[in-house]
């Protein structure tokens, strides 16, 4: 992740396909899936080409499957939400993630860990990049719950504002319980 050349070479040499294949082949093995999620996070973090490569080999489905299959695994859920955020910065991946119901999987993670600030922050961020501020009612409710749980967290409230497609000032009012 912190070495652009290695990340680019890994992507170009087929690492995304190997990672997704392993995640599929060992779908019930938490450690393999978790390692795959972390590898996808590293490959997609700062590399647009790798985001595209990962989407092309099925990473969108694999990451949503990981979210669904391991609902109580906080670390896996958190890192998977970051991967959804990363992958959704690619237009084709955003469509794939939408068809795989990624927003619902992210919302489930947010609801499972309502007092976990990092989960709420990453969930809001993933919702924003998935929906561009036009999220469905289920996601809107989860984002509102996140900002109400952490009303003094300016970073989180800003992510929530983006996810809801509204101004930060209005979002701060909502976070403090004023308005709907």
N, C-alpha and C. Protein backbone atom coordinates (compact mmCIF):
# COMPACT_ATOMS: atom_id res chain seq x y z
N UNK A 1 0.82 -1.19 0.00
CA UNK A 1 0.00 0.00 0.00
C UNK A 1 0.86 1.25 0.00
N UNK A 2 1.96 1.22 0.67
CA UNK A 2 2.81 2.40 0.75
C UNK A 2 3.96 2.35 -0.24
N UNK A 3 3.89 1.49 -1.20
CA UNK A 3 4.93 1.39 -2.22
C UNK A 3 4.24 1.28 -3.57
N UNK A 4 4.10 2.42 -4.24
CA UNK A 4 3.32 2.50 -5.48
C UNK A 4 3.80 1.53 -6.55
N UNK A 5 5.11 1.41 -6.68
CA UNK A 5 5.64 0.53 -7.73
C UNK A 5 5.26 -0.92 -7.47
N UNK A 6 5.43 -1.38 -6.24
CA UNK A 6 5.07 -2.76 -5.91
C UNK A 6 3.58 -3.01 -6.08
N UNK A 7 2.78 -2.03 -5.70
CA UNK A 7 1.33 -2.17 -5.85
C UNK A 7 0.97 -2.29 -7.33
N UNK A 8 1.56 -1.44 -8.16
CA UNK A 8 1.27 -1.47 -9.59
C UNK A 8 1.71 -2.78 -10.22
N UNK A 9 2.90 -3.24 -9.87
CA UNK A 9 3.42 -4.49 -10.43
C UNK A 9 2.56 -5.66 -9.97
N UNK A 10 2.16 -5.67 -8.71
CA UNK A 10 1.30 -6.75 -8.20
C UNK A 10 0.00 -6.82 -8.98
N UNK A 11 -0.59 -5.67 -9.22
CA UNK A 11 -1.83 -5.63 -9.97
C UNK A 11 -1.65 -6.10 -11.40
N UNK A 12 -0.58 -5.64 -12.04
CA UNK A 12 -0.33 -5.99 -13.44
C UNK A 12 0.04 -7.47 -13.61
N UNK A 13 0.60 -8.06 -12.58
CA UNK A 13 1.02 -9.47 -12.65
C UNK A 13 -0.10 -10.45 -12.29
N UNK A 14 -1.29 -9.95 -12.02
CA UNK A 14 -2.41 -10.86 -11.79
C UNK A 14 -2.79 -11.10 -10.35
N UNK A 15 -2.23 -10.34 -9.41
CA UNK A 15 -2.59 -10.54 -8.01
C UNK A 15 -4.09 -10.43 -7.75
N UNK A 16 -4.80 -9.47 -8.37
CA UNK A 16 -6.24 -9.39 -8.08
C UNK A 16 -6.99 -10.70 -8.35
N UNK A 17 -6.68 -11.35 -9.46
CA UNK A 17 -7.36 -12.60 -9.79
C UNK A 17 -7.05 -13.70 -8.79
N UNK A 18 -5.80 -13.78 -8.36
CA UNK A 18 -5.42 -14.78 -7.37
C UNK A 18 -6.10 -14.55 -6.03
N UNK A 19 -6.18 -13.30 -5.65
CA UNK A 19 -6.82 -12.97 -4.37
C UNK A 19 -8.31 -13.33 -4.40
N UNK A 20 -8.99 -12.91 -5.44
CA UNK A 20 -10.42 -13.19 -5.55
C UNK A 20 -10.67 -14.70 -5.66
N UNK A 21 -9.83 -15.41 -6.40
CA UNK A 21 -9.97 -16.88 -6.50
C UNK A 21 -9.82 -17.54 -5.14
N UNK A 22 -8.85 -17.09 -4.36
CA UNK A 22 -8.66 -17.65 -3.02
C UNK A 22 -9.85 -17.36 -2.12
N UNK A 23 -10.37 -16.13 -2.21
CA UNK A 23 -11.54 -15.77 -1.39
C UNK A 23 -12.75 -16.62 -1.75
N UNK A 24 -12.89 -16.95 -3.02
CA UNK A 24 -14.01 -17.81 -3.44
C UNK A 24 -13.79 -19.26 -3.02
N UNK A 25 -12.58 -19.76 -3.25
CA UNK A 25 -12.28 -21.17 -2.97
C UNK A 25 -12.35 -21.49 -1.48
N UNK A 26 -12.00 -20.50 -0.65
CA UNK A 26 -11.96 -20.72 0.80
C UNK A 26 -12.94 -19.78 1.50
N UNK A 27 -14.13 -19.67 0.93
CA UNK A 27 -15.13 -18.71 1.38
C UNK A 27 -15.47 -18.84 2.86
N UNK A 28 -15.42 -20.03 3.41
CA UNK A 28 -15.77 -20.24 4.82
C UNK A 28 -14.58 -20.05 5.75
N UNK A 29 -13.39 -19.86 5.22
CA UNK A 29 -12.19 -19.72 6.04
C UNK A 29 -11.95 -18.24 6.33
N UNK A 30 -12.27 -17.83 7.53
CA UNK A 30 -12.16 -16.43 7.92
C UNK A 30 -10.77 -15.86 7.66
N UNK A 31 -9.74 -16.62 7.98
CA UNK A 31 -8.38 -16.09 7.83
C UNK A 31 -8.03 -15.84 6.37
N UNK A 32 -8.42 -16.73 5.49
CA UNK A 32 -8.15 -16.54 4.07
C UNK A 32 -8.94 -15.33 3.55
N UNK A 33 -10.21 -15.27 3.91
CA UNK A 33 -11.05 -14.16 3.45
C UNK A 33 -10.52 -12.83 4.00
N UNK A 34 -10.17 -12.83 5.28
CA UNK A 34 -9.64 -11.60 5.88
C UNK A 34 -8.35 -11.16 5.19
N UNK A 35 -7.48 -12.11 4.92
CA UNK A 35 -6.24 -11.78 4.20
C UNK A 35 -6.55 -11.24 2.81
N UNK A 36 -7.55 -11.82 2.16
CA UNK A 36 -7.97 -11.32 0.85
C UNK A 36 -8.51 -9.91 0.91
N UNK A 37 -9.31 -9.64 1.92
CA UNK A 37 -9.85 -8.29 2.11
C UNK A 37 -8.70 -7.29 2.30
N UNK A 38 -7.76 -7.65 3.15
CA UNK A 38 -6.61 -6.75 3.40
C UNK A 38 -5.78 -6.56 2.13
N UNK A 39 -5.59 -7.62 1.36
CA UNK A 39 -4.83 -7.51 0.11
C UNK A 39 -5.56 -6.61 -0.88
N UNK A 40 -6.87 -6.77 -0.99
CA UNK A 40 -7.64 -5.91 -1.89
C UNK A 40 -7.59 -4.46 -1.42
N UNK A 41 -7.63 -4.26 -0.13
CA UNK A 41 -7.51 -2.90 0.40
C UNK A 41 -6.18 -2.28 -0.05
N UNK A 42 -5.10 -3.02 0.12
CA UNK A 42 -3.78 -2.51 -0.26
C UNK A 42 -3.68 -2.25 -1.76
N UNK A 43 -4.21 -3.14 -2.57
CA UNK A 43 -4.12 -2.97 -4.01
C UNK A 43 -4.96 -1.80 -4.53
N UNK A 44 -6.09 -1.55 -3.89
CA UNK A 44 -7.03 -0.56 -4.42
C UNK A 44 -6.90 0.82 -3.79
N UNK A 45 -6.09 0.94 -2.77
CA UNK A 45 -6.04 2.18 -2.00
C UNK A 45 -5.65 3.40 -2.84
N UNK A 46 -4.57 3.35 -3.55
CA UNK A 46 -4.09 4.52 -4.29
C UNK A 46 -3.79 4.19 -5.74
N UNK A 47 -4.49 3.24 -6.31
CA UNK A 47 -4.16 2.80 -7.66
C UNK A 47 -5.43 2.56 -8.47
N UNK A 48 -5.74 3.51 -9.34
CA UNK A 48 -6.96 3.42 -10.16
C UNK A 48 -6.93 2.20 -11.08
N UNK A 49 -5.77 1.88 -11.62
CA UNK A 49 -5.68 0.71 -12.51
C UNK A 49 -6.01 -0.56 -11.74
N UNK A 50 -5.52 -0.67 -10.53
CA UNK A 50 -5.82 -1.86 -9.74
C UNK A 50 -7.29 -1.91 -9.34
N UNK A 51 -7.90 -0.75 -9.08
CA UNK A 51 -9.34 -0.76 -8.78
C UNK A 51 -10.10 -1.38 -9.95
N UNK A 52 -9.73 -0.97 -11.16
CA UNK A 52 -10.37 -1.51 -12.36
C UNK A 52 -10.08 -3.00 -12.52
N UNK A 53 -8.82 -3.38 -12.34
CA UNK A 53 -8.44 -4.81 -12.45
C UNK A 53 -9.21 -5.66 -11.44
N UNK A 54 -9.28 -5.16 -10.21
CA UNK A 54 -9.97 -5.92 -9.16
C UNK A 54 -11.45 -6.09 -9.51
N UNK A 55 -12.07 -5.03 -9.98
CA UNK A 55 -13.47 -5.12 -10.37
C UNK A 55 -13.68 -6.11 -11.50
N UNK A 56 -12.75 -6.12 -12.45
CA UNK A 56 -12.87 -7.00 -13.62
C UNK A 56 -12.79 -8.48 -13.27
N UNK A 57 -12.12 -8.82 -12.17
CA UNK A 57 -11.97 -10.24 -11.80
C UNK A 57 -12.93 -10.69 -10.70
N UNK A 58 -13.88 -9.81 -10.33
CA UNK A 58 -14.90 -10.24 -9.37
C UNK A 58 -14.72 -9.77 -7.94
N UNK A 59 -13.87 -8.79 -7.72
CA UNK A 59 -13.65 -8.32 -6.34
C UNK A 59 -14.90 -7.70 -5.73
N UNK A 60 -15.74 -7.09 -6.55
CA UNK A 60 -16.96 -6.46 -6.00
C UNK A 60 -17.85 -7.51 -5.35
N UNK A 61 -18.07 -8.61 -6.05
CA UNK A 61 -18.88 -9.69 -5.47
C UNK A 61 -18.17 -10.32 -4.27
N UNK A 62 -16.87 -10.52 -4.37
CA UNK A 62 -16.12 -11.15 -3.28
C UNK A 62 -16.17 -10.31 -2.01
N UNK A 63 -16.09 -8.99 -2.15
CA UNK A 63 -16.07 -8.15 -0.95
C UNK A 63 -17.45 -8.10 -0.30
N UNK A 64 -18.50 -8.07 -1.11
CA UNK A 64 -19.85 -8.09 -0.55
C UNK A 64 -20.12 -9.45 0.10
N UNK A 65 -19.67 -10.51 -0.53
CA UNK A 65 -19.81 -11.84 0.05
C UNK A 65 -19.11 -11.92 1.41
N UNK A 66 -17.92 -11.34 1.50
CA UNK A 66 -17.20 -11.32 2.78
C UNK A 66 -17.99 -10.57 3.85
N UNK A 67 -18.58 -9.44 3.48
CA UNK A 67 -19.39 -8.68 4.43
C UNK A 67 -20.58 -9.51 4.91
N UNK A 68 -21.21 -10.21 4.00
CA UNK A 68 -22.39 -11.01 4.34
C UNK A 68 -22.02 -12.26 5.15
N UNK A 69 -20.92 -12.91 4.78
CA UNK A 69 -20.55 -14.18 5.41
C UNK A 69 -19.95 -14.04 6.82
N UNK A 70 -19.39 -12.89 7.13
CA UNK A 70 -18.73 -12.70 8.43
C UNK A 70 -19.28 -11.46 9.13
N UNK A 71 -20.58 -11.45 9.44
CA UNK A 71 -21.23 -10.24 9.94
C UNK A 71 -20.77 -9.78 11.33
N UNK A 72 -20.22 -10.66 12.12
CA UNK A 72 -19.82 -10.30 13.49
C UNK A 72 -18.32 -10.07 13.64
N UNK A 73 -17.59 -10.16 12.55
CA UNK A 73 -16.14 -9.98 12.58
C UNK A 73 -15.82 -8.50 12.34
N UNK A 74 -15.62 -7.77 13.41
CA UNK A 74 -15.45 -6.33 13.35
C UNK A 74 -14.32 -5.90 12.41
N UNK A 75 -13.16 -6.50 12.53
CA UNK A 75 -12.03 -6.09 11.70
C UNK A 75 -12.28 -6.37 10.23
N UNK A 76 -12.80 -7.54 9.93
CA UNK A 76 -13.10 -7.87 8.54
C UNK A 76 -14.14 -6.91 7.99
N UNK A 77 -15.18 -6.62 8.76
CA UNK A 77 -16.22 -5.70 8.32
C UNK A 77 -15.65 -4.30 8.06
N UNK A 78 -14.82 -3.84 8.97
CA UNK A 78 -14.22 -2.51 8.83
C UNK A 78 -13.38 -2.41 7.56
N UNK A 79 -12.47 -3.35 7.37
CA UNK A 79 -11.60 -3.30 6.20
C UNK A 79 -12.39 -3.53 4.90
N UNK A 80 -13.42 -4.36 4.97
CA UNK A 80 -14.25 -4.57 3.78
C UNK A 80 -14.98 -3.29 3.40
N UNK A 81 -15.42 -2.51 4.38
CA UNK A 81 -16.06 -1.22 4.09
C UNK A 81 -15.07 -0.27 3.40
N UNK A 82 -13.80 -0.31 3.82
CA UNK A 82 -12.79 0.51 3.16
C UNK A 82 -12.60 0.05 1.71
N UNK A 83 -12.63 -1.26 1.49
CA UNK A 83 -12.48 -1.77 0.12
C UNK A 83 -13.69 -1.34 -0.73
N UNK A 84 -14.88 -1.38 -0.17
CA UNK A 84 -16.05 -0.90 -0.91
C UNK A 84 -15.84 0.57 -1.29
N UNK A 85 -15.38 1.37 -0.35
CA UNK A 85 -15.06 2.77 -0.62
C UNK A 85 -14.07 2.87 -1.78
N UNK A 86 -12.97 2.14 -1.68
CA UNK A 86 -11.94 2.20 -2.73
C UNK A 86 -12.46 1.75 -4.09
N UNK A 87 -13.11 0.60 -4.12
CA UNK A 87 -13.61 0.06 -5.39
C UNK A 87 -14.66 0.96 -6.03
N UNK A 88 -15.48 1.59 -5.21
CA UNK A 88 -16.57 2.39 -5.76
C UNK A 88 -16.11 3.70 -6.38
N UNK A 89 -14.84 3.99 -6.32
CA UNK A 89 -14.31 5.19 -6.98
C UNK A 89 -14.14 4.96 -8.49
N UNK A 90 -14.40 3.74 -8.91
CA UNK A 90 -14.38 3.37 -10.33
C UNK A 90 -15.83 3.20 -10.77
N UNK A 91 -16.21 3.85 -11.85
CA UNK A 91 -17.61 3.86 -12.30
C UNK A 91 -18.16 2.46 -12.54
N UNK A 92 -17.40 1.61 -13.21
CA UNK A 92 -17.88 0.24 -13.46
C UNK A 92 -18.03 -0.54 -12.17
N UNK A 93 -17.08 -0.36 -11.27
CA UNK A 93 -17.18 -1.05 -9.98
C UNK A 93 -18.38 -0.56 -9.19
N UNK A 94 -18.65 0.73 -9.25
CA UNK A 94 -19.80 1.27 -8.52
C UNK A 94 -21.08 0.57 -8.98
N UNK A 95 -21.21 0.37 -10.29
CA UNK A 95 -22.39 -0.33 -10.81
C UNK A 95 -22.42 -1.78 -10.33
N UNK A 96 -21.27 -2.43 -10.33
CA UNK A 96 -21.21 -3.83 -9.87
C UNK A 96 -21.54 -3.91 -8.38
N UNK A 97 -20.97 -3.02 -7.59
CA UNK A 97 -21.25 -3.01 -6.15
C UNK A 97 -22.72 -2.75 -5.88
N UNK A 98 -23.32 -1.87 -6.66
CA UNK A 98 -24.74 -1.58 -6.50
C UNK A 98 -25.56 -2.82 -6.81
N UNK A 99 -25.23 -3.52 -7.88
CA UNK A 99 -25.99 -4.72 -8.23
C UNK A 99 -25.78 -5.85 -7.22
N UNK A 100 -24.68 -5.82 -6.50
CA UNK A 100 -24.40 -6.83 -5.47
C UNK A 100 -24.98 -6.43 -4.10
N UNK A 101 -25.66 -5.29 -4.03
CA UNK A 101 -26.27 -4.79 -2.79
C UNK A 101 -25.21 -4.44 -1.74
N UNK A 102 -24.13 -3.83 -2.18
CA UNK A 102 -23.06 -3.44 -1.27
C UNK A 102 -23.53 -2.45 -0.22
N UNK A 103 -24.39 -1.51 -0.60
CA UNK A 103 -24.86 -0.52 0.38
C UNK A 103 -25.57 -1.21 1.54
N UNK A 104 -26.39 -2.19 1.25
CA UNK A 104 -27.08 -2.93 2.32
C UNK A 104 -26.10 -3.67 3.21
N UNK A 105 -25.06 -4.23 2.61
CA UNK A 105 -24.04 -4.94 3.40
C UNK A 105 -23.28 -3.97 4.30
N UNK A 106 -22.98 -2.79 3.78
CA UNK A 106 -22.30 -1.77 4.60
C UNK A 106 -23.21 -1.31 5.72
N UNK A 107 -24.48 -1.07 5.41
CA UNK A 107 -25.44 -0.66 6.43
C UNK A 107 -25.54 -1.73 7.51
N UNK A 108 -25.55 -2.99 7.15
CA UNK A 108 -25.58 -4.07 8.14
C UNK A 108 -24.37 -4.00 9.07
N UNK A 109 -23.20 -3.73 8.49
CA UNK A 109 -21.99 -3.59 9.32
C UNK A 109 -22.14 -2.42 10.28
N UNK A 110 -22.67 -1.31 9.79
CA UNK A 110 -22.87 -0.14 10.65
C UNK A 110 -23.83 -0.45 11.78
N UNK A 111 -24.89 -1.19 11.49
CA UNK A 111 -25.89 -1.52 12.50
C UNK A 111 -25.36 -2.55 13.51
N UNK A 112 -24.46 -3.41 13.06
CA UNK A 112 -23.91 -4.43 13.95
C UNK A 112 -22.94 -3.81 14.96
N UNK A 113 -22.26 -2.73 14.56
CA UNK A 113 -21.27 -2.09 15.42
C UNK A 113 -21.60 -0.61 15.61
N UNK A 114 -22.76 -0.32 16.22
CA UNK A 114 -23.22 1.07 16.30
C UNK A 114 -22.37 1.99 17.16
N UNK A 115 -21.61 1.44 18.08
CA UNK A 115 -20.79 2.29 18.96
C UNK A 115 -19.33 2.34 18.54
N UNK A 116 -19.01 1.73 17.42
CA UNK A 116 -17.63 1.70 16.91
C UNK A 116 -17.43 2.89 15.96
N UNK A 117 -16.72 3.88 16.41
CA UNK A 117 -16.53 5.10 15.64
C UNK A 117 -15.93 4.82 14.27
N UNK A 118 -14.90 3.99 14.21
CA UNK A 118 -14.24 3.71 12.94
C UNK A 118 -15.19 3.04 11.95
N UNK A 119 -16.00 2.12 12.44
CA UNK A 119 -16.97 1.44 11.57
C UNK A 119 -17.98 2.45 11.03
N UNK A 120 -18.44 3.32 11.90
CA UNK A 120 -19.43 4.31 11.48
C UNK A 120 -18.82 5.28 10.46
N UNK A 121 -17.61 5.70 10.71
CA UNK A 121 -16.93 6.61 9.78
C UNK A 121 -16.74 5.96 8.41
N UNK A 122 -16.18 4.75 8.40
CA UNK A 122 -15.93 4.05 7.14
C UNK A 122 -17.24 3.69 6.45
N UNK A 123 -18.26 3.36 7.22
CA UNK A 123 -19.56 3.06 6.64
C UNK A 123 -20.14 4.28 5.93
N UNK A 124 -20.08 5.43 6.59
CA UNK A 124 -20.58 6.67 5.97
C UNK A 124 -19.79 6.97 4.70
N UNK A 125 -18.51 6.79 4.77
CA UNK A 125 -17.65 7.06 3.62
C UNK A 125 -17.98 6.12 2.45
N UNK A 126 -18.15 4.83 2.75
CA UNK A 126 -18.49 3.87 1.71
C UNK A 126 -19.85 4.19 1.10
N UNK A 127 -20.81 4.55 1.95
CA UNK A 127 -22.14 4.92 1.44
C UNK A 127 -22.02 6.12 0.51
N UNK A 128 -21.22 7.10 0.90
CA UNK A 128 -21.06 8.28 0.04
C UNK A 128 -20.48 7.90 -1.33
N UNK A 129 -19.37 7.16 -1.34
CA UNK A 129 -18.75 6.85 -2.62
C UNK A 129 -19.60 5.90 -3.46
N UNK A 130 -20.41 5.08 -2.81
CA UNK A 130 -21.32 4.20 -3.54
C UNK A 130 -22.49 4.96 -4.16
N UNK A 131 -23.01 5.94 -3.43
CA UNK A 131 -24.26 6.57 -3.84
C UNK A 131 -24.12 8.01 -4.29
N UNK A 132 -22.97 8.62 -4.03
CA UNK A 132 -22.80 10.02 -4.41
C UNK A 132 -23.75 10.97 -3.70
N UNK A 133 -24.17 10.61 -2.51
CA UNK A 133 -25.07 11.46 -1.75
C UNK A 133 -26.54 11.24 -2.04
N UNK A 134 -26.84 10.18 -2.78
CA UNK A 134 -28.24 9.87 -3.12
C UNK A 134 -28.59 8.48 -2.60
N UNK A 135 -28.41 8.28 -1.31
CA UNK A 135 -28.61 6.95 -0.74
C UNK A 135 -30.08 6.68 -0.43
N UNK A 136 -30.41 5.42 -0.40
CA UNK A 136 -31.76 4.96 -0.11
C UNK A 136 -32.07 5.14 1.38
N UNK A 137 -33.33 4.99 1.72
CA UNK A 137 -33.80 5.22 3.09
C UNK A 137 -33.03 4.41 4.12
N UNK A 138 -32.77 3.14 3.83
CA UNK A 138 -32.04 2.28 4.77
C UNK A 138 -30.66 2.87 5.09
N UNK A 139 -29.94 3.30 4.08
CA UNK A 139 -28.62 3.88 4.29
C UNK A 139 -28.71 5.24 4.96
N UNK A 140 -29.72 6.03 4.59
CA UNK A 140 -29.90 7.35 5.22
C UNK A 140 -30.10 7.18 6.73
N UNK A 141 -30.90 6.21 7.12
CA UNK A 141 -31.16 5.96 8.54
C UNK A 141 -29.87 5.56 9.27
N UNK A 142 -29.06 4.71 8.65
CA UNK A 142 -27.80 4.28 9.27
C UNK A 142 -26.83 5.44 9.40
N UNK A 143 -26.76 6.28 8.38
CA UNK A 143 -25.86 7.44 8.42
C UNK A 143 -26.32 8.42 9.50
N UNK A 144 -27.62 8.65 9.59
CA UNK A 144 -28.14 9.55 10.64
C UNK A 144 -27.84 8.98 12.03
N UNK A 145 -27.99 7.68 12.19
CA UNK A 145 -27.68 7.06 13.48
C UNK A 145 -26.21 7.23 13.82
N UNK A 146 -25.35 7.11 12.82
CA UNK A 146 -23.91 7.28 13.05
C UNK A 146 -23.58 8.69 13.52
N UNK A 147 -24.14 9.67 12.86
CA UNK A 147 -23.80 11.04 13.25
C UNK A 147 -24.43 11.41 14.58
N UNK A 148 -25.57 10.81 14.91
CA UNK A 148 -26.16 11.07 16.23
C UNK A 148 -25.37 10.38 17.34
N UNK A 149 -24.74 9.27 17.00
CA UNK A 149 -23.91 8.57 17.99
C UNK A 149 -22.60 9.31 18.25
N UNK A 150 -22.15 10.10 17.27
CA UNK A 150 -20.87 10.80 17.38
C UNK A 150 -21.02 12.27 16.95
N UNK A 151 -21.90 13.03 17.61
CA UNK A 151 -22.20 14.39 17.15
C UNK A 151 -21.01 15.35 17.23
N UNK A 152 -20.06 15.09 18.08
CA UNK A 152 -18.92 15.99 18.23
C UNK A 152 -17.75 15.62 17.31
N UNK A 153 -17.88 14.53 16.58
CA UNK A 153 -16.80 14.07 15.70
C UNK A 153 -16.96 14.75 14.34
N UNK A 154 -16.21 15.82 14.13
CA UNK A 154 -16.36 16.62 12.92
C UNK A 154 -16.08 15.83 11.65
N UNK A 155 -15.07 14.96 11.69
CA UNK A 155 -14.76 14.14 10.50
C UNK A 155 -15.93 13.25 10.13
N UNK A 156 -16.49 12.59 11.13
CA UNK A 156 -17.60 11.69 10.87
C UNK A 156 -18.82 12.46 10.38
N UNK A 157 -19.11 13.60 11.00
CA UNK A 157 -20.26 14.39 10.59
C UNK A 157 -20.08 14.88 9.15
N UNK A 158 -18.87 15.22 8.76
CA UNK A 158 -18.61 15.63 7.38
C UNK A 158 -18.84 14.48 6.41
N UNK A 159 -18.38 13.28 6.77
CA UNK A 159 -18.65 12.11 5.92
C UNK A 159 -20.15 11.84 5.83
N UNK A 160 -20.84 12.00 6.95
CA UNK A 160 -22.29 11.81 6.96
C UNK A 160 -22.97 12.82 6.04
N UNK A 161 -22.52 14.06 6.10
CA UNK A 161 -23.09 15.11 5.23
C UNK A 161 -22.92 14.73 3.77
N UNK A 162 -21.73 14.25 3.42
CA UNK A 162 -21.51 13.81 2.04
C UNK A 162 -22.44 12.66 1.67
N UNK A 163 -22.53 11.67 2.57
CA UNK A 163 -23.37 10.50 2.30
C UNK A 163 -24.83 10.88 2.13
N UNK A 164 -25.28 11.88 2.89
CA UNK A 164 -26.67 12.31 2.81
C UNK A 164 -26.91 13.34 1.71
N UNK A 165 -25.81 13.86 1.15
CA UNK A 165 -25.94 14.84 0.08
C UNK A 165 -26.45 16.18 0.57
N UNK A 166 -26.11 16.52 1.82
CA UNK A 166 -26.56 17.79 2.39
C UNK A 166 -25.38 18.54 2.98
N UNK A 167 -25.60 19.80 3.31
CA UNK A 167 -24.54 20.63 3.86
C UNK A 167 -24.12 20.21 5.24
N UNK A 168 -22.86 20.47 5.54
CA UNK A 168 -22.30 20.10 6.85
C UNK A 168 -23.02 20.83 7.97
N UNK A 169 -23.36 22.11 7.79
CA UNK A 169 -24.03 22.86 8.86
C UNK A 169 -25.36 22.21 9.21
N UNK A 170 -26.14 21.85 8.21
CA UNK A 170 -27.42 21.19 8.45
C UNK A 170 -27.19 19.84 9.11
N UNK A 171 -26.17 19.13 8.67
CA UNK A 171 -25.87 17.81 9.23
C UNK A 171 -25.49 17.95 10.70
N UNK A 172 -24.75 19.00 11.05
CA UNK A 172 -24.39 19.19 12.47
C UNK A 172 -25.65 19.40 13.33
N UNK A 173 -26.65 20.08 12.77
CA UNK A 173 -27.92 20.25 13.49
C UNK A 173 -28.59 18.90 13.70
N UNK A 174 -28.60 18.08 12.65
CA UNK A 174 -29.19 16.74 12.78
C UNK A 174 -28.45 15.91 13.80
N UNK A 175 -27.13 16.00 13.79
CA UNK A 175 -26.32 15.22 14.74
C UNK A 175 -26.64 15.59 16.17
N UNK A 176 -26.99 16.83 16.39
CA UNK A 176 -27.31 17.28 17.75
C UNK A 176 -28.78 17.06 18.09
N UNK A 177 -29.53 16.42 17.18
CA UNK A 177 -30.91 16.09 17.47
C UNK A 177 -31.90 17.15 17.06
N UNK A 178 -31.47 18.13 16.31
CA UNK A 178 -32.37 19.19 15.85
C UNK A 178 -32.79 18.89 14.43
N UNK A 179 -34.03 18.83 14.15
CA UNK A 179 -34.52 18.55 12.81
C UNK A 179 -34.71 17.04 12.62
N UNK A 180 -35.07 16.66 11.40
CA UNK A 180 -35.30 15.25 11.13
C UNK A 180 -34.20 14.76 10.33
